């Protein structure tokens, strides 16, 4: 292989590797977009601060372990995930009022 061909292959590999390492995966981008949407909704006064909503739900959940949350920007709703008594529990919360609007196991 000529020196030019080796240099071209090396350059192509370097570019492919740098692109692969520089771009976050689609799930990470989606999660960041979800967090940005929740923050914008809170700053615009459409939803209550998440910390207040979470405290309200935790007062109902007792000794359950919090695992995470999702935000639905179209409905201004949060879904919080807990484990209680060995079972996963999803709690849907209206982001505007802080009211629990649904439970799922």
PDB file of N, CA and C in Angstrom:
ATOM      1  N   UNK A   1       0.859  -1.170   0.000  1.00  0.00           N
ATOM      2  CA  UNK A   1       0.000   0.000   0.000  1.00  0.00           C
ATOM      3  C   UNK A   1       0.904   1.231   0.000  1.00  0.00           C
ATOM      4  N   UNK A   2       0.557   2.191  -0.825  1.00  0.00           N
ATOM      5  CA  UNK A   2       1.384   3.387  -0.923  1.00  0.00           C
ATOM      6  C   UNK A   2       1.239   4.245   0.331  1.00  0.00           C
ATOM      7  N   UNK A   3       2.171   5.132   0.516  1.00  0.00           N
ATOM      8  CA  UNK A   3       2.138   6.008   1.684  1.00  0.00           C
ATOM      9  C   UNK A   3       0.896   6.900   1.652  1.00  0.00           C
ATOM     10  N   UNK A   4       0.494   7.350   0.462  1.00  0.00           N
ATOM     11  CA  UNK A   4      -0.709   8.178   0.334  1.00  0.00           C
ATOM     12  C   UNK A   4      -1.943   7.390   0.752  1.00  0.00           C
ATOM     13  N   UNK A   5      -2.040   6.145   0.340  1.00  0.00           N
ATOM     14  CA  UNK A   5      -3.195   5.307   0.682  1.00  0.00           C
ATOM     15  C   UNK A   5      -3.245   5.068   2.189  1.00  0.00           C
ATOM     16  N   UNK A   6      -2.076   4.782   2.792  1.00  0.00           N
ATOM     17  CA  UNK A   6      -2.040   4.574   4.250  1.00  0.00           C
ATOM     18  C   UNK A   6      -2.442   5.839   4.994  1.00  0.00           C
ATOM     19  N   UNK A   7      -1.983   6.979   4.531  1.00  0.00           N
ATOM     20  CA  UNK A   7      -2.348   8.246   5.167  1.00  0.00           C
ATOM     21  C   UNK A   7      -3.845   8.500   5.044  1.00  0.00           C
ATOM     22  N   UNK A   8      -4.407   8.181   3.879  1.00  0.00           N
ATOM     23  CA  UNK A   8      -5.846   8.374   3.671  1.00  0.00           C
ATOM     24  C   UNK A   8      -6.659   7.470   4.578  1.00  0.00           C
ATOM     25  N   UNK A   9      -6.231   6.212   4.702  1.00  0.00           N
ATOM     26  CA  UNK A   9      -6.933   5.268   5.573  1.00  0.00           C
ATOM     27  C   UNK A   9      -6.827   5.728   7.023  1.00  0.00           C
ATOM     28  N   UNK A  10      -5.650   6.140   7.438  1.00  0.00           N
ATOM     29  CA  UNK A  10      -5.459   6.615   8.811  1.00  0.00           C
ATOM     30  C   UNK A  10      -6.319   7.840   9.094  1.00  0.00           C
ATOM     31  N   UNK A  11      -6.362   8.745   8.148  1.00  0.00           N
ATOM     32  CA  UNK A  11      -7.174   9.946   8.317  1.00  0.00           C
ATOM     33  C   UNK A  11      -8.660   9.589   8.393  1.00  0.00           C
ATOM     34  N   UNK A  12      -9.099   8.692   7.525  1.00  0.00           N
ATOM     35  CA  UNK A  12     -10.511   8.276   7.536  1.00  0.00           C
ATOM     36  C   UNK A  12     -10.866   7.621   8.867  1.00  0.00           C
ATOM     37  N   UNK A  13      -9.990   6.758   9.375  1.00  0.00           N
ATOM     38  CA  UNK A  13     -10.234   6.118  10.675  1.00  0.00           C
ATOM     39  C   UNK A  13     -10.283   7.147  11.793  1.00  0.00           C
ATOM     40  N   UNK A  14      -9.374   8.088  11.765  1.00  0.00           N
ATOM     41  CA  UNK A  14      -9.353   9.118  12.810  1.00  0.00           C
ATOM     42  C   UNK A  14     -10.634   9.942  12.791  1.00  0.00           C
ATOM     43  N   UNK A  15     -11.103  10.293  11.604  1.00  0.00           N
ATOM     44  CA  UNK A  15     -12.337  11.073  11.490  1.00  0.00           C
ATOM     45  C   UNK A  15     -13.519  10.264  12.001  1.00  0.00           C
ATOM     46  N   UNK A  16     -13.616   8.989  11.590  1.00  0.00           N
ATOM     47  CA  UNK A  16     -14.738   8.153  12.028  1.00  0.00           C
ATOM     48  C   UNK A  16     -14.731   7.970  13.541  1.00  0.00           C
ATOM     49  N   UNK A  17     -13.572   7.744  14.117  1.00  0.00           N
ATOM     50  CA  UNK A  17     -13.491   7.567  15.568  1.00  0.00           C
ATOM     51  C   UNK A  17     -13.842   8.851  16.307  1.00  0.00           C
ATOM     52  N   UNK A  18     -13.354   9.981  15.804  1.00  0.00           N
ATOM     53  CA  UNK A  18     -13.654  11.236  16.503  1.00  0.00           C
ATOM     54  C   UNK A  18     -15.136  11.570  16.418  1.00  0.00           C
ATOM     55  N   UNK A  19     -15.777  11.279  15.306  1.00  0.00           N
ATOM     56  CA  UNK A  19     -17.217  11.517  15.184  1.00  0.00           C
ATOM     57  C   UNK A  19     -17.976  10.587  16.109  1.00  0.00           C
ATOM     58  N   UNK A  20     -17.582   9.339  16.146  1.00  0.00           N
ATOM     59  CA  UNK A  20     -18.258   8.364  17.006  1.00  0.00           C
ATOM     60  C   UNK A  20     -18.168   8.712  18.473  1.00  0.00           C
ATOM     61  N   UNK A  21     -17.040   9.219  18.903  1.00  0.00           N
ATOM     62  CA  UNK A  21     -16.879   9.563  20.311  1.00  0.00           C
ATOM     63  C   UNK A  21     -17.460  10.931  20.644  1.00  0.00           C
ATOM     64  N   UNK A  22     -17.578  11.796  19.658  1.00  0.00           N
ATOM     65  CA  UNK A  22     -18.048  13.155  19.919  1.00  0.00           C
ATOM     66  C   UNK A  22     -19.567  13.253  19.990  1.00  0.00           C
ATOM     67  N   UNK A  23     -20.283  12.363  19.326  1.00  0.00           N
ATOM     68  CA  UNK A  23     -21.738  12.454  19.294  1.00  0.00           C
ATOM     69  C   UNK A  23     -22.360  11.617  20.401  1.00  0.00           C
ATOM     70  N   UNK A  24     -23.201  12.204  21.231  1.00  0.00           N
ATOM     71  CA  UNK A  24     -23.907  11.417  22.242  1.00  0.00           C
ATOM     72  C   UNK A  24     -24.946  10.532  21.571  1.00  0.00           C
ATOM     73  N   UNK A  25     -25.321   9.453  22.240  1.00  0.00           N
ATOM     74  CA  UNK A  25     -26.325   8.572  21.653  1.00  0.00           C
ATOM     75  C   UNK A  25     -27.696   9.251  21.647  1.00  0.00           C
ATOM     76  N   UNK A  26     -28.623   8.700  20.864  1.00  0.00           N
ATOM     77  CA  UNK A  26     -29.944   9.310  20.693  1.00  0.00           C
ATOM     78  C   UNK A  26     -30.702   9.386  22.013  1.00  0.00           C
ATOM     79  N   UNK A  27     -30.552   8.369  22.864  1.00  0.00           N
ATOM     80  CA  UNK A  27     -31.255   8.371  24.152  1.00  0.00           C
ATOM     81  C   UNK A  27     -30.775   9.535  25.023  1.00  0.00           C
ATOM     82  N   UNK A  28     -29.476   9.769  25.028  1.00  0.00           N
ATOM     83  CA  UNK A  28     -28.937  10.870  25.833  1.00  0.00           C
ATOM     84  C   UNK A  28     -29.444  12.210  25.308  1.00  0.00           C
ATOM     85  N   UNK A  29     -29.507  12.358  23.992  1.00  0.00           N
ATOM     86  CA  UNK A  29     -30.030  13.607  23.436  1.00  0.00           C
ATOM     87  C   UNK A  29     -31.493  13.784  23.802  1.00  0.00           C
ATOM     88  N   UNK A  30     -32.278  12.723  23.741  1.00  0.00           N
ATOM     89  CA  UNK A  30     -33.691  12.800  24.092  1.00  0.00           C
ATOM     90  C   UNK A  30     -33.892  13.182  25.537  1.00  0.00           C
ATOM     91  N   UNK A  31     -33.110  12.618  26.423  1.00  0.00           N
ATOM     92  CA  UNK A  31     -33.223  12.910  27.851  1.00  0.00           C
ATOM     93  C   UNK A  31     -32.872  14.371  28.126  1.00  0.00           C
ATOM     94  N   UNK A  32     -31.832  14.854  27.458  1.00  0.00           N
ATOM     95  CA  UNK A  32     -31.442  16.252  27.650  1.00  0.00           C
ATOM     96  C   UNK A  32     -32.540  17.180  27.134  1.00  0.00           C
ATOM     97  N   UNK A  33     -33.137  16.839  25.987  1.00  0.00           N
ATOM     98  CA  UNK A  33     -34.239  17.642  25.448  1.00  0.00           C
ATOM     99  C   UNK A  33     -35.411  17.660  26.421  1.00  0.00           C
ATOM    100  N   UNK A  34     -35.699  16.510  27.034  1.00  0.00           N
ATOM    101  CA  UNK A  34     -36.793  16.413  28.006  1.00  0.00           C
ATOM    102  C   UNK A  34     -36.515  17.304  29.216  1.00  0.00           C
ATOM    103  N   UNK A  35     -35.288  17.282  29.697  1.00  0.00           N
ATOM    104  CA  UNK A  35     -34.923  18.120  30.841  1.00  0.00           C
ATOM    105  C   UNK A  35     -34.990  19.599  30.478  1.00  0.00           C
ATOM    106  N   UNK A  36     -34.545  19.933  29.272  1.00  0.00           N
ATOM    107  CA  UNK A  36     -34.619  21.326  28.822  1.00  0.00           C
ATOM    108  C   UNK A  36     -36.069  21.791  28.725  1.00  0.00           C
ATOM    109  N   UNK A  37     -36.942  20.919  28.215  1.00  0.00           N
ATOM    110  CA  UNK A  37     -38.365  21.267  28.099  1.00  0.00           C
ATOM    111  C   UNK A  37     -38.981  21.482  29.478  1.00  0.00           C
ATOM    112  N   UNK A  38     -38.631  20.632  30.437  1.00  0.00           N
ATOM    113  CA  UNK A  38     -39.160  20.776  31.797  1.00  0.00           C
ATOM    114  C   UNK A  38     -38.675  22.085  32.421  1.00  0.00           C
ATOM    115  N   UNK A  39     -37.424  22.404  32.210  1.00  0.00           N
ATOM    116  CA  UNK A  39     -36.882  23.651  32.772  1.00  0.00           C
ATOM    117  C   UNK A  39     -37.546  24.872  32.134  1.00  0.00           C
ATOM    118  N   UNK A  40     -37.716  24.833  30.810  1.00  0.00           N
ATOM    119  CA  UNK A  40     -38.383  25.958  30.131  1.00  0.00           C
ATOM    120  C   UNK A  40     -39.813  26.122  30.632  1.00  0.00           C
ATOM    121  N   UNK A  41     -40.519  25.001  30.787  1.00  0.00           N
ATOM    122  CA  UNK A  41     -41.907  25.064  31.273  1.00  0.00           C
ATOM    123  C   UNK A  41     -41.962  25.666  32.671  1.00  0.00           C
ATOM    124  N   UNK A  42     -41.000  25.312  33.515  1.00  0.00           N
ATOM    125  CA  UNK A  42     -40.966  25.854  34.877  1.00  0.00           C
ATOM    126  C   UNK A  42     -40.631  27.352  34.846  1.00  0.00           C
ATOM    127  N   UNK A  43     -39.644  27.738  34.060  1.00  0.00           N
ATOM    128  CA  UNK A  43     -39.260  29.150  33.981  1.00  0.00           C
ATOM    129  C   UNK A  43     -40.369  30.009  33.377  1.00  0.00           C
ATOM    130  N   UNK A  44     -41.144  29.426  32.466  1.00  0.00           N
ATOM    131  CA  UNK A  44     -42.265  30.149  31.843  1.00  0.00           C
ATOM    132  C   UNK A  44     -43.519  30.142  32.711  1.00  0.00           C
ATOM    133  N   UNK A  45     -43.460  29.479  33.860  1.00  0.00           N
ATOM    134  CA  UNK A  45     -44.595  29.458  34.775  1.00  0.00           C
ATOM    135  C   UNK A  45     -45.675  28.445  34.445  1.00  0.00           C
ATOM    136  N   UNK A  46     -45.357  27.485  33.560  1.00  0.00           N
ATOM    137  CA  UNK A  46     -46.349  26.480  33.173  1.00  0.00           C
ATOM    138  C   UNK A  46     -46.415  25.310  34.147  1.00  0.00           C
ATOM    139  N   UNK A  47     -45.311  25.031  34.839  1.00  0.00           N
ATOM    140  CA  UNK A  47     -45.287  23.943  35.823  1.00  0.00           C
ATOM    141  C   UNK A  47     -44.589  24.419  37.089  1.00  0.00           C
ATOM    142  N   UNK A  48     -44.879  23.721  38.178  1.00  0.00           N
ATOM    143  CA  UNK A  48     -44.231  24.015  39.459  1.00  0.00           C
ATOM    144  C   UNK A  48     -42.799  23.474  39.427  1.00  0.00           C
ATOM    145  N   UNK A  49     -41.921  23.982  40.273  1.00  0.00           N
ATOM    146  CA  UNK A  49     -40.579  23.410  40.354  1.00  0.00           C
ATOM    147  C   UNK A  49     -40.650  21.920  40.708  1.00  0.00           C
ATOM    148  N   UNK A  50     -39.786  21.131  40.060  1.00  0.00           N
ATOM    149  CA  UNK A  50     -39.806  19.683  40.249  1.00  0.00           C
ATOM    150  C   UNK A  50     -39.603  19.293  41.709  1.00  0.00           C
ATOM    151  N   UNK A  51     -38.748  20.001  42.421  1.00  0.00           N
ATOM    152  CA  UNK A  51     -38.478  19.642  43.822  1.00  0.00           C
ATOM    153  C   UNK A  51     -39.750  19.702  44.670  1.00  0.00           C
ATOM    154  N   UNK A  52     -40.620  20.647  44.391  1.00  0.00           N
ATOM    155  CA  UNK A  52     -41.884  20.755  45.135  1.00  0.00           C
ATOM    156  C   UNK A  52     -42.805  19.592  44.781  1.00  0.00           C
ATOM    157  N   UNK A  53     -42.912  19.284  43.484  1.00  0.00           N
ATOM    158  CA  UNK A  53     -43.746  18.162  43.048  1.00  0.00           C
ATOM    159  C   UNK A  53     -43.261  16.851  43.666  1.00  0.00           C
ATOM    160  N   UNK A  54     -41.954  16.655  43.638  1.00  0.00           N
ATOM    161  CA  UNK A  54     -41.376  15.409  44.167  1.00  0.00           C
ATOM    162  C   UNK A  54     -41.655  15.276  45.658  1.00  0.00           C
ATOM    163  N   UNK A  55     -41.520  16.354  46.407  1.00  0.00           N
ATOM    164  CA  UNK A  55     -41.813  16.307  47.850  1.00  0.00           C
ATOM    165  C   UNK A  55     -43.268  15.936  48.107  1.00  0.00           C
ATOM    166  N   UNK A  56     -44.171  16.485  47.311  1.00  0.00           N
ATOM    167  CA  UNK A  56     -45.594  16.162  47.475  1.00  0.00           C
ATOM    168  C   UNK A  56     -45.850  14.673  47.248  1.00  0.00           C
ATOM    169  N   UNK A  57     -45.251  14.131  46.205  1.00  0.00           N
ATOM    170  CA  UNK A  57     -45.443  12.709  45.910  1.00  0.00           C
ATOM    171  C   UNK A  57     -44.805  11.856  46.999  1.00  0.00           C
ATOM    172  N   UNK A  58     -43.616  12.226  47.441  1.00  0.00           N
ATOM    173  CA  UNK A  58     -42.930  11.429  48.460  1.00  0.00           C
ATOM    174  C   UNK A  58     -43.694  11.402  49.776  1.00  0.00           C
ATOM    175  N   UNK A  59     -44.453  12.442  50.067  1.00  0.00           N
ATOM    176  CA  UNK A  59     -45.255  12.420  51.295  1.00  0.00           C
ATOM    177  C   UNK A  59     -46.354  11.359  51.206  1.00  0.00           C
ATOM    178  N   UNK A  60     -46.771  11.020  49.989  1.00  0.00           N
ATOM    179  CA  UNK A  60     -47.773   9.970  49.778  1.00  0.00           C
ATOM    180  C   UNK A  60     -47.145   8.584  49.653  1.00  0.00           C
ATOM    181  N   UNK A  61     -45.884   8.530  49.245  1.00  0.00           N
ATOM    182  CA  UNK A  61     -45.235   7.248  48.947  1.00  0.00           C
ATOM    183  C   UNK A  61     -44.582   6.595  50.160  1.00  0.00           C
ATOM    184  N   UNK A  62     -44.456   7.311  51.253  1.00  0.00           N
ATOM    185  CA  UNK A  62     -43.871   6.711  52.454  1.00  0.00           C
ATOM    186  C   UNK A  62     -42.425   6.312  52.252  1.00  0.00           C
ATOM    187  N   UNK A  63     -42.125   5.022  52.478  1.00  0.00           N
ATOM    188  CA  UNK A  63     -40.739   4.551  52.438  1.00  0.00           C
ATOM    189  C   UNK A  63     -40.313   4.047  51.056  1.00  0.00           C
ATOM    190  N   UNK A  64     -41.029   4.407  50.012  1.00  0.00           N
ATOM    191  CA  UNK A  64     -40.672   3.983  48.655  1.00  0.00           C
ATOM    192  C   UNK A  64     -39.357   4.630  48.233  1.00  0.00           C
ATOM    193  N   UNK A  65     -38.633   3.957  47.352  1.00  0.00           N
ATOM    194  CA  UNK A  65     -37.366   4.454  46.837  1.00  0.00           C
ATOM    195  C   UNK A  65     -37.588   5.106  45.476  1.00  0.00           C
ATOM    196  N   UNK A  66     -37.179   6.357  45.352  1.00  0.00           N
ATOM    197  CA  UNK A  66     -37.318   7.110  44.101  1.00  0.00           C
ATOM    198  C   UNK A  66     -36.287   6.616  43.093  1.00  0.00           C
ATOM    199  N   UNK A  67     -36.730   6.366  41.846  1.00  0.00           N
ATOM    200  CA  UNK A  67     -35.826   5.883  40.806  1.00  0.00           C
ATOM    201  C   UNK A  67     -35.588   6.882  39.681  1.00  0.00           C
ATOM    202  N   UNK A  68     -36.564   7.746  39.411  1.00  0.00           N
ATOM    203  CA  UNK A  68     -36.385   8.691  38.315  1.00  0.00           C
ATOM    204  C   UNK A  68     -37.703   9.274  37.867  1.00  0.00           C
ATOM    205  N   UNK A  69     -37.638  10.081  36.801  1.00  0.00           N
ATOM    206  CA  UNK A  69     -38.861  10.728  36.319  1.00  0.00           C
ATOM    207  C   UNK A  69     -38.794  10.951  34.820  1.00  0.00           C
ATOM    208  N   UNK A  70     -39.966  11.217  34.256  1.00  0.00           N
ATOM    209  CA  UNK A  70     -40.102  11.608  32.857  1.00  0.00           C
ATOM    210  C   UNK A  70     -41.005  12.836  32.829  1.00  0.00           C
ATOM    211  N   UNK A  71     -40.810  13.681  31.813  1.00  0.00           N
ATOM    212  CA  UNK A  71     -41.651  14.868  31.668  1.00  0.00           C
ATOM    213  C   UNK A  71     -42.322  14.841  30.310  1.00  0.00           C
ATOM    214  N   UNK A  72     -43.636  15.028  30.285  1.00  0.00           N
ATOM    215  CA  UNK A  72     -44.407  15.123  29.047  1.00  0.00           C
ATOM    216  C   UNK A  72     -44.711  16.604  28.822  1.00  0.00           C
ATOM    217  N   UNK A  73     -43.958  17.214  27.925  1.00  0.00           N
ATOM    218  CA  UNK A  73     -44.084  18.658  27.698  1.00  0.00           C
ATOM    219  C   UNK A  73     -45.439  19.029  27.106  1.00  0.00           C
ATOM    220  N   UNK A  74     -46.016  18.164  26.290  1.00  0.00           N
ATOM    221  CA  UNK A  74     -47.298  18.462  25.674  1.00  0.00           C
ATOM    222  C   UNK A  74     -48.428  18.566  26.679  1.00  0.00           C
ATOM    223  N   UNK A  75     -48.334  17.775  27.755  1.00  0.00           N
ATOM    224  CA  UNK A  75     -49.392  17.754  28.771  1.00  0.00           C
ATOM    225  C   UNK A  75     -48.969  18.438  30.068  1.00  0.00           C
ATOM    226  N   UNK A  76     -47.704  18.877  30.142  1.00  0.00           N
ATOM    227  CA  UNK A  76     -47.154  19.444  31.385  1.00  0.00           C
ATOM    228  C   UNK A  76     -47.355  18.486  32.556  1.00  0.00           C
ATOM    229  N   UNK A  77     -47.035  17.224  32.316  1.00  0.00           N
ATOM    230  CA  UNK A  77     -47.171  16.195  33.352  1.00  0.00           C
ATOM    231  C   UNK A  77     -45.847  15.497  33.586  1.00  0.00           C
ATOM    232  N   UNK A  78     -45.666  15.095  34.825  1.00  0.00           N
ATOM    233  CA  UNK A  78     -44.513  14.291  35.207  1.00  0.00           C
ATOM    234  C   UNK A  78     -44.978  12.879  35.527  1.00  0.00           C
ATOM    235  N   UNK A  79     -44.099  11.923  35.286  1.00  0.00           N
ATOM    236  CA  UNK A  79     -44.308  10.547  35.729  1.00  0.00           C
ATOM    237  C   UNK A  79     -43.082  10.190  36.565  1.00  0.00           C
ATOM    238  N   UNK A  80     -43.309   9.953  37.847  1.00  0.00           N
ATOM    239  CA  UNK A  80     -42.235   9.610  38.764  1.00  0.00           C
ATOM    240  C   UNK A  80     -42.249   8.108  39.008  1.00  0.00           C
ATOM    241  N   UNK A  81     -41.071   7.518  39.087  1.00  0.00           N
ATOM    242  CA  UNK A  81     -40.932   6.071  39.238  1.00  0.00           C
ATOM    243  C   UNK A  81     -40.338   5.759  40.609  1.00  0.00           C
ATOM    244  N   UNK A  82     -41.004   4.840  41.311  1.00  0.00           N
ATOM    245  CA  UNK A  82     -40.581   4.415  42.645  1.00  0.00           C
ATOM    246  C   UNK A  82     -40.587   2.894  42.729  1.00  0.00           C
ATOM    247  N   UNK A  83     -39.887   2.371  43.732  1.00  0.00           N
ATOM    248  CA  UNK A  83     -40.009   0.964  44.110  1.00  0.00           C
ATOM    249  C   UNK A  83     -40.549   0.944  45.524  1.00  0.00           C
ATOM    250  N   UNK A  84     -41.654   0.208  45.696  1.00  0.00           N
ATOM    251  CA  UNK A  84     -42.266   0.085  47.017  1.00  0.00           C
ATOM    252  C   UNK A  84     -42.686  -1.367  47.207  1.00  0.00           C
ATOM    253  N   UNK A  85     -42.269  -1.955  48.320  1.00  0.00           N
ATOM    254  CA  UNK A  85     -42.583  -3.351  48.623  1.00  0.00           C
ATOM    255  C   UNK A  85     -42.179  -4.274  47.475  1.00  0.00           C
ATOM    256  N   UNK A  86     -41.043  -3.989  46.862  1.00  0.00           N
ATOM    257  CA  UNK A  86     -40.520  -4.829  45.789  1.00  0.00           C
ATOM    258  C   UNK A  86     -41.205  -4.658  44.443  1.00  0.00           C
ATOM    259  N   UNK A  87     -42.108  -3.701  44.319  1.00  0.00           N
ATOM    260  CA  UNK A  87     -42.830  -3.478  43.062  1.00  0.00           C
ATOM    261  C   UNK A  87     -42.576  -2.064  42.556  1.00  0.00           C
ATOM    262  N   UNK A  88     -42.493  -1.948  41.230  1.00  0.00           N
ATOM    263  CA  UNK A  88     -42.326  -0.628  40.617  1.00  0.00           C
ATOM    264  C   UNK A  88     -43.679   0.075  40.593  1.00  0.00           C
ATOM    265  N   UNK A  89     -43.676   1.330  41.010  1.00  0.00           N
ATOM    266  CA  UNK A  89     -44.892   2.144  41.026  1.00  0.00           C
ATOM    267  C   UNK A  89     -44.619   3.418  40.229  1.00  0.00           C
ATOM    268  N   UNK A  90     -45.501   3.704  39.265  1.00  0.00           N
ATOM    269  CA  UNK A  90     -45.428   4.942  38.498  1.00  0.00           C
ATOM    270  C   UNK A  90     -46.489   5.890  39.035  1.00  0.00           C
ATOM    271  N   UNK A  91     -46.110   7.130  39.277  1.00  0.00           N
ATOM    272  CA  UNK A  91     -47.048   8.127  39.789  1.00  0.00           C
ATOM    273  C   UNK A  91     -47.093   9.280  38.787  1.00  0.00           C
ATOM    274  N   UNK A  92     -48.284   9.545  38.249  1.00  0.00           N
ATOM    275  CA  UNK A  92     -48.466  10.650  37.306  1.00  0.00           C
ATOM    276  C   UNK A  92     -48.899  11.895  38.064  1.00  0.00           C
ATOM    277  N   UNK A  93     -48.232  13.013  37.771  1.00  0.00           N
ATOM    278  CA  UNK A  93     -48.459  14.261  38.500  1.00  0.00           C
ATOM    279  C   UNK A  93     -48.709  15.395  37.508  1.00  0.00           C
ATOM    280  N   UNK A  94     -49.740  16.185  37.772  1.00  0.00           N
ATOM    281  CA  UNK A  94     -50.014  17.383  36.988  1.00  0.00           C
ATOM    282  C   UNK A  94     -48.966  18.428  37.376  1.00  0.00           C
ATOM    283  N   UNK A  95     -48.142  18.811  36.423  1.00  0.00           N
ATOM    284  CA  UNK A  95     -47.068  19.754  36.705  1.00  0.00           C
ATOM    285  C   UNK A  95     -47.545  21.146  37.072  1.00  0.00           C
ATOM    286  N   UNK A  96     -48.750  21.504  36.663  1.00  0.00           N
ATOM    287  CA  UNK A  96     -49.279  22.840  36.962  1.00  0.00           C
ATOM    288  C   UNK A  96     -49.758  22.948  38.401  1.00  0.00           C
ATOM    289  N   UNK A  97     -50.434  21.881  38.880  1.00  0.00           N
ATOM    290  CA  UNK A  97     -51.064  21.936  40.206  1.00  0.00           C
ATOM    291  C   UNK A  97     -50.334  21.125  41.268  1.00  0.00           C
ATOM    292  N   UNK A  98     -49.533  20.157  40.836  1.00  0.00           N
ATOM    293  CA  UNK A  98     -48.881  19.261  41.780  1.00  0.00           C
ATOM    294  C   UNK A  98     -49.774  18.116  42.229  1.00  0.00           C
ATOM    295  N   UNK A  99     -50.978  18.028  41.662  1.00  0.00           N
ATOM    296  CA  UNK A  99     -51.912  16.963  42.038  1.00  0.00           C
ATOM    297  C   UNK A  99     -51.496  15.632  41.429  1.00  0.00           C
ATOM    298  N   UNK A 100     -51.626  14.566  42.216  1.00  0.00           N
ATOM    299  CA  UNK A 100     -51.411  13.220  41.695  1.00  0.00           C
ATOM    300  C   UNK A 100     -52.650  12.866  40.880  1.00  0.00           C
ATOM    301  N   UNK A 101     -52.440  12.515  39.619  1.00  0.00           N
ATOM    302  CA  UNK A 101     -53.579  12.244  38.742  1.00  0.00           C
ATOM    303  C   UNK A 101     -53.673  10.781  38.339  1.00  0.00           C
ATOM    304  N   UNK A 102     -52.709   9.962  38.761  1.00  0.00           N
ATOM    305  CA  UNK A 102     -52.780   8.545  38.434  1.00  0.00           C
ATOM    306  C   UNK A 102     -51.649   7.750  39.054  1.00  0.00           C
ATOM    307  N   UNK A 103     -51.914   6.448  39.236  1.00  0.00           N
ATOM    308  CA  UNK A 103     -50.948   5.496  39.774  1.00  0.00           C
ATOM    309  C   UNK A 103     -50.936   4.274  38.860  1.00  0.00           C
ATOM    310  N   UNK A 104     -49.801   3.668  38.688  1.00  0.00           N
ATOM    311  CA  UNK A 104     -49.721   2.417  37.921  1.00  0.00           C
ATOM    312  C   UNK A 104     -48.668   1.523  38.566  1.00  0.00           C
ATOM    313  N   UNK A 105     -48.973   0.231  38.623  1.00  0.00           N
ATOM    314  CA  UNK A 105     -48.013  -0.761  39.133  1.00  0.00           C
ATOM    315  C   UNK A 105     -47.630  -1.697  38.041  1.00  0.00           C
TER     316      UNK A 105
END
